[in-house]
N, C-alpha and C. Protein backbone atom coordinates (compact mmCIF):
# COMPACT_ATOMS: atom_id res chain seq x y z
N MET A 1 2.79 6.43 15.17
CA MET A 1 1.60 7.74 14.63
C MET A 1 1.12 7.26 13.65
N ILE A 2 0.00 7.91 13.22
CA ILE A 2 -0.79 7.70 12.01
C ILE A 2 -0.83 9.54 11.69
N GLY A 3 -0.07 9.48 10.49
CA GLY A 3 0.00 10.38 9.51
C GLY A 3 -1.19 11.01 9.20
N ILE A 4 -1.47 12.53 8.76
CA ILE A 4 -2.90 12.79 8.13
C ILE A 4 -2.34 13.81 6.88
N VAL A 5 -1.92 13.19 5.52
CA VAL A 5 -1.47 14.18 4.83
C VAL A 5 -2.34 15.70 4.89
N ASP A 6 -1.87 16.86 5.14
CA ASP A 6 -2.38 18.06 5.45
C ASP A 6 -1.98 18.90 3.81
N TYR A 7 -2.52 19.10 2.79
CA TYR A 7 -2.13 19.60 1.21
C TYR A 7 -3.33 20.52 0.93
N ASN A 8 -4.36 21.07 2.02
CA ASN A 8 -5.28 22.47 2.24
C ASN A 8 -6.35 22.02 0.88
N MET A 9 -6.90 20.52 1.25
CA MET A 9 -7.82 20.20 0.06
C MET A 9 -8.83 19.49 1.71
N GLY A 10 -9.67 20.25 1.61
CA GLY A 10 -10.78 19.90 2.61
C GLY A 10 -10.83 19.78 3.93
N ASN A 11 -11.67 19.49 4.78
CA ASN A 11 -11.77 19.60 6.46
C ASN A 11 -11.55 17.88 6.86
N LEU A 12 -10.16 18.38 7.64
CA LEU A 12 -9.58 17.31 8.03
C LEU A 12 -10.24 17.01 9.21
N ALA A 13 -10.65 17.96 9.88
CA ALA A 13 -11.77 17.88 11.62
C ALA A 13 -12.40 16.11 11.73
N SER A 14 -13.20 16.14 10.79
CA SER A 14 -14.12 15.13 10.79
C SER A 14 -13.45 13.22 10.76
N VAL A 15 -12.07 13.90 10.10
CA VAL A 15 -11.44 12.67 9.62
C VAL A 15 -10.39 12.87 11.26
N ILE A 16 -9.64 13.31 11.64
CA ILE A 16 -9.09 13.13 13.13
C ILE A 16 -9.75 12.84 14.56
N ASN A 17 -10.98 13.34 14.31
CA ASN A 17 -12.15 12.91 15.29
C ASN A 17 -12.71 11.10 15.00
N ALA A 18 -12.54 10.77 14.03
CA ALA A 18 -13.66 9.58 13.86
C ALA A 18 -11.98 9.13 14.57
N PHE A 19 -9.93 8.86 14.01
CA PHE A 19 -9.91 8.52 14.63
C PHE A 19 -9.51 8.39 15.95
N LYS A 20 -9.69 9.53 16.81
CA LYS A 20 -9.69 9.75 17.97
C LYS A 20 -10.65 8.71 18.63
N LYS A 21 -12.34 8.59 18.22
CA LYS A 21 -13.73 8.02 18.34
C LYS A 21 -12.50 6.37 19.20
N VAL A 22 -11.64 5.70 17.64
CA VAL A 22 -11.62 4.52 17.64
C VAL A 22 -10.01 4.41 18.97
N GLY A 23 -9.89 5.45 19.11
CA GLY A 23 -8.86 5.67 20.37
C GLY A 23 -7.05 5.90 20.02
N ALA A 24 -7.43 6.41 18.43
CA ALA A 24 -6.62 6.05 17.67
C ALA A 24 -5.60 7.83 17.81
N ASP A 25 -4.29 7.59 18.03
CA ASP A 25 -3.89 8.98 17.91
C ASP A 25 -3.39 9.73 16.32
N THR A 26 -3.62 10.90 15.48
CA THR A 26 -3.25 11.17 14.93
C THR A 26 -2.28 12.62 14.59
N ARG A 27 -1.44 12.85 13.28
CA ARG A 27 -1.16 14.07 12.75
C ARG A 27 -1.13 14.77 12.05
N LEU A 28 -1.38 15.72 12.13
CA LEU A 28 -1.44 16.62 10.33
C LEU A 28 0.26 16.66 10.12
N GLU A 29 0.35 16.28 8.72
CA GLU A 29 2.08 16.64 8.69
C GLU A 29 2.07 16.78 7.51
N SER A 30 1.96 18.41 7.48
CA SER A 30 2.19 18.91 6.10
C SER A 30 3.78 18.78 5.42
N ASN A 31 4.85 18.49 6.10
CA ASN A 31 6.25 18.72 5.75
C ASN A 31 6.47 17.28 4.72
N PRO A 32 6.99 17.10 3.97
CA PRO A 32 6.82 16.27 3.04
C PRO A 32 8.34 15.08 3.66
N GLU A 33 9.47 15.65 4.38
CA GLU A 33 9.98 14.95 4.63
C GLU A 33 9.90 14.55 5.95
N LYS A 34 8.87 14.86 6.80
CA LYS A 34 8.40 14.06 7.81
C LYS A 34 7.63 12.33 7.36
N LEU A 35 6.98 12.42 6.40
CA LEU A 35 6.27 11.71 6.02
C LEU A 35 6.63 10.44 6.81
N ALA A 36 8.04 10.26 6.37
CA ALA A 36 8.87 8.72 6.60
C ALA A 36 8.65 8.02 8.36
N ASN A 37 8.24 9.76 8.92
CA ASN A 37 8.53 8.89 10.55
C ASN A 37 7.29 8.14 10.89
N TYR A 38 6.20 8.36 9.88
CA TYR A 38 4.64 7.32 10.33
C TYR A 38 4.43 5.74 10.31
N ASP A 39 4.17 5.37 10.87
CA ASP A 39 3.78 3.68 10.52
C ASP A 39 2.33 3.70 10.05
N LYS A 40 1.73 4.33 9.77
CA LYS A 40 0.68 4.63 8.89
C LYS A 40 -0.02 5.50 7.82
N LEU A 41 -0.64 5.92 6.93
CA LEU A 41 -0.51 7.31 6.85
C LEU A 41 -1.86 7.33 5.97
N ILE A 42 -2.86 8.41 6.51
CA ILE A 42 -3.92 8.86 5.78
C ILE A 42 -3.75 10.02 4.66
N LEU A 43 -4.41 9.45 2.92
CA LEU A 43 -4.58 10.44 2.18
C LEU A 43 -5.85 10.82 2.29
N PRO A 44 -6.22 12.09 2.83
CA PRO A 44 -7.55 12.46 2.73
C PRO A 44 -7.99 13.15 0.94
N GLY A 45 -9.09 13.67 1.43
CA GLY A 45 -9.12 14.97 0.01
C GLY A 45 -10.78 15.26 -0.13
N VAL A 46 -11.17 16.22 -0.30
CA VAL A 46 -12.59 16.74 -0.87
C VAL A 46 -12.15 18.27 -1.95
N GLY A 47 -12.31 18.07 -3.15
CA GLY A 47 -12.42 19.01 -3.89
C GLY A 47 -12.17 18.17 -5.22
N ALA A 48 -11.08 18.99 -6.17
CA ALA A 48 -10.98 18.75 -7.69
C ALA A 48 -9.68 18.01 -7.77
N PHE A 49 -9.65 16.87 -8.51
CA PHE A 49 -8.45 16.11 -8.80
C PHE A 49 -6.81 16.77 -9.52
N GLY A 50 -7.37 18.01 -10.19
CA GLY A 50 -6.24 18.89 -11.12
C GLY A 50 -6.00 19.38 -9.39
N ASP A 51 -6.14 20.33 -9.32
CA ASP A 51 -5.98 21.97 -7.34
C ASP A 51 -5.60 20.61 -7.02
N ALA A 52 -6.17 19.00 -6.82
CA ALA A 52 -5.36 18.32 -5.08
C ALA A 52 -3.47 17.91 -5.68
N MET A 53 -3.91 17.71 -6.70
CA MET A 53 -2.22 17.35 -7.34
C MET A 53 -1.43 18.50 -7.53
N GLU A 54 -1.86 19.68 -7.82
CA GLU A 54 -1.07 21.04 -7.66
C GLU A 54 -0.42 21.22 -6.53
N HIS A 55 -1.62 21.35 -5.28
CA HIS A 55 -1.09 21.11 -4.02
C HIS A 55 -0.18 19.85 -3.44
N LEU A 56 -0.07 19.24 -3.58
CA LEU A 56 0.68 17.46 -3.73
C LEU A 56 2.56 18.17 -3.91
N LYS A 57 1.93 19.00 -5.43
CA LYS A 57 3.73 19.02 -5.84
C LYS A 57 4.26 20.21 -6.05
N SER A 58 3.34 20.80 -5.12
CA SER A 58 3.68 22.31 -5.00
C SER A 58 4.98 22.64 -3.88
N ASN A 59 5.13 21.21 -2.79
CA ASN A 59 6.20 21.01 -2.29
C ASN A 59 6.72 19.71 -2.04
N GLY A 60 6.79 18.82 -2.90
CA GLY A 60 7.40 17.84 -3.11
C GLY A 60 7.00 16.57 -2.17
N MET A 61 5.75 17.06 -2.11
CA MET A 61 4.44 15.57 -1.19
C MET A 61 4.18 15.18 -1.96
N ASP A 62 3.85 14.93 -3.16
CA ASP A 62 3.76 13.68 -4.30
C ASP A 62 4.64 12.92 -4.76
N SER A 63 5.84 13.04 -4.27
CA SER A 63 7.22 12.22 -4.04
C SER A 63 7.39 11.24 -3.13
N ALA A 64 7.00 12.44 -1.73
CA ALA A 64 7.21 11.94 -1.07
C ALA A 64 6.09 10.87 -0.37
N ILE A 65 4.91 10.58 -0.64
CA ILE A 65 4.06 9.84 -0.69
C ILE A 65 4.51 8.60 -1.66
N LYS A 66 5.11 8.75 -2.86
CA LYS A 66 5.03 7.48 -3.60
C LYS A 66 6.11 6.42 -2.88
N GLU A 67 7.44 7.90 -2.29
CA GLU A 67 8.21 6.77 -1.58
C GLU A 67 7.48 6.26 -0.27
N TYR A 68 6.81 6.99 0.09
CA TYR A 68 6.11 6.13 1.44
C TYR A 68 5.70 4.71 0.95
N ALA A 69 5.28 4.82 -0.17
CA ALA A 69 4.30 3.66 -0.68
C ALA A 69 5.06 2.57 -0.92
N LYS A 70 6.33 3.09 -0.60
CA LYS A 70 7.54 1.76 -1.05
C LYS A 70 7.75 1.14 -0.15
N SER A 71 7.83 1.98 1.55
CA SER A 71 8.43 0.94 2.18
C SER A 71 7.30 0.11 2.81
N GLY A 72 6.00 -0.19 2.94
CA GLY A 72 5.40 -0.99 2.86
C GLY A 72 4.09 -0.87 4.40
N LYS A 73 4.56 0.36 4.52
CA LYS A 73 3.96 0.85 5.70
C LYS A 73 2.28 1.01 4.91
N PRO A 74 1.07 0.80 5.57
CA PRO A 74 -0.24 1.59 5.17
C PRO A 74 -0.64 2.74 5.21
N LEU A 75 -0.71 2.36 3.86
CA LEU A 75 -1.93 4.01 3.01
C LEU A 75 -2.92 3.85 3.18
N LEU A 76 -3.83 4.74 2.91
CA LEU A 76 -5.46 4.80 2.67
C LEU A 76 -5.58 6.30 2.27
N GLY A 77 -6.09 6.11 1.30
CA GLY A 77 -6.81 6.51 0.37
C GLY A 77 -8.17 7.04 0.96
N ILE A 78 -8.48 8.71 0.99
CA ILE A 78 -9.84 8.47 1.40
C ILE A 78 -10.72 10.01 0.44
N CYS A 79 -11.76 8.74 -0.13
CA CYS A 79 -12.58 9.71 -1.48
C CYS A 79 -11.69 10.75 -2.29
N LEU A 80 -11.46 11.77 -2.55
CA LEU A 80 -10.46 11.95 -3.41
C LEU A 80 -8.88 11.85 -3.34
N GLY A 81 -8.88 11.32 -2.11
CA GLY A 81 -7.61 11.00 -1.82
C GLY A 81 -7.27 9.34 -2.60
N MET A 82 -8.32 8.62 -2.53
CA MET A 82 -8.47 7.85 -3.42
C MET A 82 -7.98 7.49 -4.75
N GLN A 83 -8.90 8.55 -5.16
CA GLN A 83 -8.99 8.70 -6.50
C GLN A 83 -7.65 8.92 -6.72
N LEU A 84 -6.56 9.74 -6.02
CA LEU A 84 -5.14 10.43 -6.38
C LEU A 84 -3.96 9.30 -6.71
N LEU A 85 -4.53 7.83 -5.90
CA LEU A 85 -3.81 7.41 -6.05
C LEU A 85 -3.25 6.33 -7.30
N PHE A 86 -4.68 6.94 -8.42
CA PHE A 86 -4.66 6.40 -9.55
C PHE A 86 -3.79 6.74 -10.73
N GLU A 87 -3.68 6.25 -11.91
CA GLU A 87 -2.59 7.05 -12.89
C GLU A 87 -3.26 8.43 -13.53
N SER A 88 -4.39 8.54 -13.58
CA SER A 88 -4.67 9.91 -14.18
C SER A 88 -6.14 9.86 -14.06
N SER A 89 -7.06 10.99 -14.36
CA SER A 89 -8.45 11.56 -13.89
C SER A 89 -8.64 12.18 -15.46
N GLN A 90 -9.62 12.53 -15.55
CA GLN A 90 -10.53 12.97 -16.36
C GLN A 90 -11.27 14.61 -15.81
N GLU A 91 -11.09 14.88 -14.75
CA GLU A 91 -11.36 15.42 -14.33
C GLU A 91 -10.95 16.88 -14.96
N PHE A 92 -11.88 17.73 -15.47
CA PHE A 92 -11.34 19.24 -15.88
C PHE A 92 -10.45 18.74 -17.18
N GLY A 93 -10.53 17.60 -17.91
CA GLY A 93 -9.17 17.24 -19.21
C GLY A 93 -8.34 16.42 -18.00
N ALA A 94 -7.64 16.00 -18.85
CA ALA A 94 -6.60 14.77 -17.92
C ALA A 94 -5.38 15.47 -17.54
N THR A 95 -5.28 14.50 -16.10
CA THR A 95 -4.38 15.58 -14.75
C THR A 95 -3.41 13.60 -14.47
N GLU A 96 -2.50 13.45 -14.31
CA GLU A 96 -1.49 12.44 -14.11
C GLU A 96 -1.93 12.37 -12.75
N GLY A 97 -2.01 11.49 -11.96
CA GLY A 97 -2.03 11.24 -10.53
C GLY A 97 -0.95 10.33 -9.66
N LEU A 98 -1.03 10.43 -9.17
CA LEU A 98 0.03 9.13 -7.88
C LEU A 98 0.86 8.01 -8.75
N GLY A 99 -0.02 7.22 -9.11
CA GLY A 99 0.19 6.51 -10.17
C GLY A 99 0.54 5.48 -9.25
N LEU A 100 -0.06 5.37 -8.23
CA LEU A 100 0.41 4.11 -7.19
C LEU A 100 -0.43 3.11 -7.48
N ILE A 101 -1.33 2.90 -8.22
CA ILE A 101 -2.52 2.00 -8.60
C ILE A 101 -2.56 1.74 -10.00
N GLU A 102 -3.20 0.83 -10.86
CA GLU A 102 -3.13 0.85 -12.13
C GLU A 102 -4.60 1.36 -12.42
N GLY A 103 -4.37 2.00 -13.21
CA GLY A 103 -6.03 2.90 -13.44
C GLY A 103 -6.40 3.85 -13.58
N LYS A 104 -7.66 4.55 -13.78
CA LYS A 104 -7.46 5.60 -13.49
C LYS A 104 -8.94 6.37 -13.18
N VAL A 105 -9.75 7.61 -13.64
CA VAL A 105 -10.80 8.45 -12.61
C VAL A 105 -11.52 9.11 -13.44
N VAL A 106 -12.86 8.13 -13.67
CA VAL A 106 -13.89 9.32 -15.31
C VAL A 106 -15.03 9.87 -14.37
N ALA A 107 -15.78 10.66 -15.22
CA ALA A 107 -16.87 10.68 -14.46
C ALA A 107 -18.11 9.84 -14.46
N PHE A 108 -18.84 9.84 -13.57
CA PHE A 108 -20.31 9.36 -14.05
C PHE A 108 -20.42 9.03 -15.12
N ASP A 109 -21.03 8.26 -16.06
CA ASP A 109 -21.45 8.31 -17.26
C ASP A 109 -23.24 8.09 -17.25
N LYS A 110 -23.87 9.52 -17.37
CA LYS A 110 -25.23 9.19 -17.17
C LYS A 110 -25.95 8.61 -18.31
N SER A 111 -24.99 8.06 -19.00
CA SER A 111 -26.23 7.75 -20.36
C SER A 111 -26.42 6.45 -20.09
N LYS A 112 -25.52 5.57 -19.32
CA LYS A 112 -25.72 3.97 -18.49
C LYS A 112 -26.78 3.86 -17.70
N PHE A 113 -27.20 5.00 -17.56
CA PHE A 113 -28.63 4.85 -16.21
C PHE A 113 -29.59 4.86 -16.83
N ASP A 114 -30.56 3.73 -16.10
CA ASP A 114 -31.60 3.39 -16.57
C ASP A 114 -32.85 4.17 -16.21
N HIS A 115 -32.57 5.24 -14.93
CA HIS A 115 -33.73 5.75 -15.20
C HIS A 115 -32.63 7.34 -14.59
N LYS A 116 -33.08 8.52 -14.03
CA LYS A 116 -32.95 9.88 -13.91
C LYS A 116 -32.27 9.82 -12.42
N LEU A 117 -31.08 9.83 -12.46
CA LEU A 117 -30.07 10.03 -11.15
C LEU A 117 -29.34 10.99 -10.92
N LYS A 118 -29.27 11.83 -9.63
CA LYS A 118 -28.35 13.30 -9.82
C LYS A 118 -26.93 12.66 -10.03
N VAL A 119 -25.59 13.09 -9.86
CA VAL A 119 -24.72 13.43 -10.12
C VAL A 119 -24.54 14.88 -9.29
N PRO A 120 -23.63 14.75 -8.16
CA PRO A 120 -22.87 14.13 -7.53
C PRO A 120 -24.22 12.89 -6.67
N HIS A 121 -23.10 11.62 -6.93
CA HIS A 121 -23.17 10.37 -6.12
C HIS A 121 -23.50 10.74 -4.48
N MET A 122 -24.51 11.08 -3.45
CA MET A 122 -24.30 12.07 -2.46
C MET A 122 -25.45 11.01 -1.72
N GLY A 123 -24.75 10.85 -0.93
CA GLY A 123 -25.51 9.89 0.29
C GLY A 123 -25.56 8.32 1.15
N TRP A 124 -26.40 7.63 1.62
CA TRP A 124 -25.85 6.01 1.39
C TRP A 124 -25.97 5.71 0.54
N ASN A 125 -24.94 4.20 0.70
CA ASN A 125 -25.18 3.88 -0.65
C ASN A 125 -24.66 1.96 -0.26
N GLU A 126 -24.81 1.34 -0.75
CA GLU A 126 -23.83 -0.04 -0.06
C GLU A 126 -22.94 -0.45 -0.86
N LEU A 127 -21.91 -0.84 0.15
CA LEU A 127 -20.58 -1.38 -0.08
C LEU A 127 -20.47 -3.18 -0.32
N PHE A 128 -20.61 -3.45 -1.59
CA PHE A 128 -20.20 -4.81 -1.38
C PHE A 128 -18.93 -5.70 -1.50
N LYS A 129 -18.69 -6.19 -0.55
CA LYS A 129 -17.38 -6.89 -0.50
C LYS A 129 -16.92 -7.33 -1.67
N GLN A 130 -15.61 -7.21 -2.52
CA GLN A 130 -15.59 -8.36 -3.17
C GLN A 130 -14.04 -9.29 -2.97
N LYS A 131 -13.43 -9.06 -1.87
CA LYS A 131 -12.41 -9.53 -1.40
C LYS A 131 -12.43 -9.57 0.05
N ASP A 132 -12.26 -10.95 0.94
CA ASP A 132 -11.93 -10.93 2.40
C ASP A 132 -10.54 -10.02 2.77
N VAL A 133 -10.62 -8.87 3.16
CA VAL A 133 -9.54 -7.93 3.84
C VAL A 133 -9.35 -7.38 4.64
N LYS A 134 -8.54 -7.13 5.26
CA LYS A 134 -8.50 -7.23 6.95
C LYS A 134 -9.49 -5.44 6.72
N LEU A 135 -9.04 -4.57 6.12
CA LEU A 135 -9.66 -3.52 6.27
C LEU A 135 -11.24 -3.81 6.69
N PHE A 136 -11.60 -4.55 5.59
CA PHE A 136 -12.86 -5.05 6.18
C PHE A 136 -13.60 -5.83 7.23
N GLU A 137 -12.74 -6.55 7.80
CA GLU A 137 -13.03 -7.43 9.04
C GLU A 137 -13.93 -6.83 9.82
N GLY A 138 -15.08 -8.09 10.34
CA GLY A 138 -16.05 -7.56 10.88
C GLY A 138 -17.46 -6.91 9.96
N LEU A 139 -17.05 -6.55 9.83
CA LEU A 139 -18.67 -5.84 8.66
C LEU A 139 -18.90 -7.05 8.00
N GLU A 140 -20.69 -7.05 6.90
CA GLU A 140 -21.01 -7.35 6.53
C GLU A 140 -20.98 -7.65 5.36
N GLU A 141 -21.51 -9.04 4.18
CA GLU A 141 -20.41 -8.59 3.10
C GLU A 141 -20.92 -7.49 2.27
N GLU A 142 -22.31 -7.24 2.83
CA GLU A 142 -22.89 -5.74 2.08
C GLU A 142 -23.16 -5.17 3.29
N PHE A 143 -22.52 -3.51 2.90
CA PHE A 143 -23.13 -2.48 4.24
C PHE A 143 -22.65 -1.22 3.86
N TYR A 144 -23.67 -0.15 4.47
CA TYR A 144 -23.80 0.73 4.15
C TYR A 144 -22.94 2.36 4.59
N LEU A 145 -22.39 3.16 3.91
CA LEU A 145 -21.40 4.04 3.59
C LEU A 145 -21.81 5.42 3.50
N TYR A 146 -21.27 6.26 3.57
CA TYR A 146 -21.74 7.72 3.10
C TYR A 146 -20.56 7.87 1.67
N PHE A 147 -21.40 8.57 0.67
CA PHE A 147 -20.36 8.96 -0.56
C PHE A 147 -20.93 10.22 -1.08
N VAL A 148 -19.94 10.80 -1.40
CA VAL A 148 -20.15 12.06 -2.20
C VAL A 148 -19.36 12.40 -3.16
N HIS A 149 -19.62 12.19 -4.73
CA HIS A 149 -18.35 11.72 -5.47
C HIS A 149 -19.06 12.29 -6.80
N SER A 150 -18.45 12.69 -8.28
CA SER A 150 -18.92 13.04 -9.83
C SER A 150 -18.22 11.82 -10.07
N PHE A 151 -17.15 11.57 -9.86
CA PHE A 151 -16.11 10.70 -10.56
C PHE A 151 -15.41 9.82 -9.56
N HIS A 152 -15.33 8.52 -10.80
CA HIS A 152 -15.10 6.76 -9.72
C HIS A 152 -14.39 5.96 -10.71
N ALA A 153 -13.40 5.65 -9.80
CA ALA A 153 -11.86 4.99 -10.84
C ALA A 153 -12.90 3.74 -11.35
N VAL A 154 -12.08 3.38 -12.60
CA VAL A 154 -12.17 1.88 -13.22
C VAL A 154 -10.84 1.12 -13.15
N CYS A 155 -10.35 0.01 -12.87
CA CYS A 155 -9.31 -0.63 -13.00
C CYS A 155 -9.44 -2.00 -12.29
N ASP A 156 -8.07 -2.81 -13.06
CA ASP A 156 -8.64 -4.00 -13.05
C ASP A 156 -9.33 -4.76 -11.63
N ASP A 157 -9.60 -5.52 -11.85
CA ASP A 157 -10.71 -6.30 -10.68
C ASP A 157 -9.63 -7.29 -9.65
N LYS A 158 -8.36 -7.22 -9.86
CA LYS A 158 -7.71 -8.09 -9.30
C LYS A 158 -7.30 -6.69 -7.73
N TYR A 159 -7.37 -5.30 -8.55
CA TYR A 159 -7.53 -4.46 -7.06
C TYR A 159 -8.43 -3.87 -6.12
N ALA A 160 -9.57 -4.57 -6.93
CA ALA A 160 -11.04 -4.18 -6.15
C ALA A 160 -11.49 -4.81 -4.82
N ILE A 161 -11.35 -4.39 -3.65
CA ILE A 161 -11.65 -4.96 -2.96
C ILE A 161 -13.33 -4.82 -2.36
N GLY A 162 -13.88 -3.42 -3.24
CA GLY A 162 -15.45 -2.76 -2.53
C GLY A 162 -16.59 -2.21 -4.16
N LYS A 163 -17.53 -2.84 -4.32
CA LYS A 163 -18.22 -2.15 -5.80
C LYS A 163 -19.46 -1.72 -4.77
N THR A 164 -20.11 -0.93 -5.58
CA THR A 164 -21.33 -0.33 -5.48
C THR A 164 -21.90 0.11 -6.75
N TYR A 165 -23.31 0.33 -6.32
CA TYR A 165 -24.13 0.20 -7.75
C TYR A 165 -24.73 1.82 -7.64
N TYR A 166 -24.34 2.41 -8.69
CA TYR A 166 -25.32 3.55 -8.60
C TYR A 166 -25.48 4.02 -10.09
N GLY A 167 -26.99 3.17 -11.05
CA GLY A 167 -26.97 3.24 -12.20
C GLY A 167 -26.26 2.00 -12.71
N TYR A 168 -24.88 2.20 -12.74
CA TYR A 168 -24.12 0.61 -12.82
C TYR A 168 -23.21 1.32 -11.55
N GLU A 169 -22.55 -0.44 -11.90
CA GLU A 169 -21.84 -1.40 -10.75
C GLU A 169 -20.36 -0.57 -10.93
N PHE A 170 -19.85 -0.20 -10.30
CA PHE A 170 -18.54 1.02 -9.88
C PHE A 170 -17.50 0.03 -8.41
N VAL A 171 -15.97 0.73 -8.97
CA VAL A 171 -14.99 0.19 -8.02
C VAL A 171 -15.31 0.95 -6.92
N SER A 172 -15.62 0.88 -5.63
CA SER A 172 -15.20 1.64 -4.14
C SER A 172 -14.41 1.24 -3.28
N ALA A 173 -13.63 0.05 -3.31
CA ALA A 173 -12.81 0.40 -2.74
C ALA A 173 -12.00 -0.14 -2.84
N VAL A 174 -10.42 0.18 -3.20
CA VAL A 174 -9.05 -1.18 -3.50
C VAL A 174 -8.25 -1.17 -2.60
N ASN A 175 -7.18 -2.51 -3.28
CA ASN A 175 -6.16 -2.34 -1.83
C ASN A 175 -4.93 -3.14 -3.05
N LYS A 176 -3.67 -2.80 -3.01
CA LYS A 176 -3.20 -3.32 -4.16
C LYS A 176 -1.58 -3.03 -3.05
N ASP A 177 -1.13 -4.26 -2.20
CA ASP A 177 -0.47 -4.65 -1.56
C ASP A 177 -0.86 -3.68 -0.16
N ASN A 178 0.64 -2.42 0.08
CA ASN A 178 0.22 -1.91 1.66
C ASN A 178 -0.82 -0.46 0.87
N ILE A 179 -1.07 -0.79 -0.08
CA ILE A 179 -1.87 0.88 -0.35
C ILE A 179 -3.62 0.49 -0.56
N TYR A 180 -4.14 1.30 0.28
CA TYR A 180 -5.87 0.87 0.44
C TYR A 180 -6.78 2.10 -0.13
N GLY A 181 -7.45 2.19 -0.82
CA GLY A 181 -8.25 3.51 -1.32
C GLY A 181 -9.44 3.03 -1.02
N ILE A 182 -10.68 3.97 -0.39
CA ILE A 182 -11.48 3.74 -0.01
C ILE A 182 -12.54 5.40 -0.67
N GLN A 183 -13.13 4.89 -1.68
CA GLN A 183 -14.08 6.21 -2.49
C GLN A 183 -15.17 6.88 -1.37
N PRO A 184 -16.09 5.79 -0.49
CA PRO A 184 -17.13 6.91 0.57
C PRO A 184 -16.27 7.47 1.41
N HIS A 185 -16.89 7.54 2.65
CA HIS A 185 -16.10 8.82 3.87
C HIS A 185 -16.53 7.84 4.94
N PRO A 186 -15.37 6.95 4.84
CA PRO A 186 -15.77 6.60 6.59
C PRO A 186 -16.29 7.20 7.85
N GLU A 187 -15.45 8.30 8.00
CA GLU A 187 -15.37 9.36 8.73
C GLU A 187 -17.01 9.78 9.09
N LYS A 188 -17.87 9.72 8.28
CA LYS A 188 -18.70 10.09 7.93
C LYS A 188 -19.86 9.07 7.94
N SER A 189 -19.18 8.46 7.88
CA SER A 189 -19.89 7.21 7.77
C SER A 189 -20.47 5.92 9.50
N HIS A 190 -20.76 6.64 10.19
CA HIS A 190 -21.36 6.23 11.96
C HIS A 190 -20.44 5.05 12.10
N LYS A 191 -21.21 3.99 12.58
CA LYS A 191 -20.54 2.63 13.27
C LYS A 191 -19.33 1.56 11.79
N ASN A 192 -20.14 1.59 10.91
CA ASN A 192 -19.39 0.63 9.98
C ASN A 192 -18.34 1.75 9.24
N GLY A 193 -17.70 2.91 9.37
CA GLY A 193 -17.14 3.91 9.16
C GLY A 193 -16.02 3.53 9.99
N LEU A 194 -16.43 3.81 11.26
CA LEU A 194 -15.56 3.65 12.28
C LEU A 194 -14.98 2.59 12.38
N LYS A 195 -15.61 1.63 11.90
CA LYS A 195 -15.55 0.29 11.79
C LYS A 195 -13.55 -0.63 10.84
N ILE A 196 -13.97 0.42 10.20
CA ILE A 196 -13.03 0.52 8.77
C ILE A 196 -11.81 1.34 10.01
N ILE A 197 -12.11 2.41 10.33
CA ILE A 197 -10.95 3.28 10.61
C ILE A 197 -10.59 2.42 11.94
N GLU A 198 -10.90 1.82 12.40
CA GLU A 198 -10.31 0.89 13.35
C GLU A 198 -9.53 -0.57 12.70
N ASN A 199 -10.42 -1.05 11.96
CA ASN A 199 -9.29 -2.26 11.13
C ASN A 199 -8.36 -1.41 10.74
N PHE A 200 -7.99 -0.51 9.96
CA PHE A 200 -7.00 0.17 9.51
C PHE A 200 -5.99 0.71 10.26
N VAL A 201 -6.72 1.09 11.87
CA VAL A 201 -5.72 1.58 12.86
C VAL A 201 -4.34 -0.02 12.94
N ASN A 202 -5.78 -1.31 13.10
CA ASN A 202 -5.13 -2.61 14.00
C ASN A 202 -4.12 -3.06 12.31
N LEU A 203 -4.36 -2.24 10.93
CA LEU A 203 -2.99 -3.68 10.64
C LEU A 203 -1.85 -3.78 10.50
């Protein structure tokens, strides 16, 4: 069974529907004591990093996710959920994250943009594979996914499995052992996104 962490951050219906489309059962889970029962775990999220961490800490869900990560079972962070995997974020001041992957989350640096681009980075853009990982099996070396975000991860290249260009190159997908994160929304990315979800189910 695949658990989806329910902590009042974002509309989860599209995530649930995407898993249904690939024939996988999911269950929303708001009880941290039950996370260990799941074979795989999804950490979704839309909104502000600080608010998300507050929600996770309010009932001990942050500690439960860290324990789950130690189990070796697959964990996937999506969008804000990916950002929460890192040590900290600069959004609305420095906020501590889950610390499961070394790195931080920063705002897009508009001074590096070669022409006027809007932030948030919103719409379809390419993800360029950095490594052959099972999460991207069956996809081209570069493929389009749907993005909506104003902040992005900065981490060691050893964790980067996908990068994207928006004004400059940034890390858009990560992997450390059993922990995966993807900045775009696979559940909103049609065929390519469903392939990623199917691959995660089959990990």
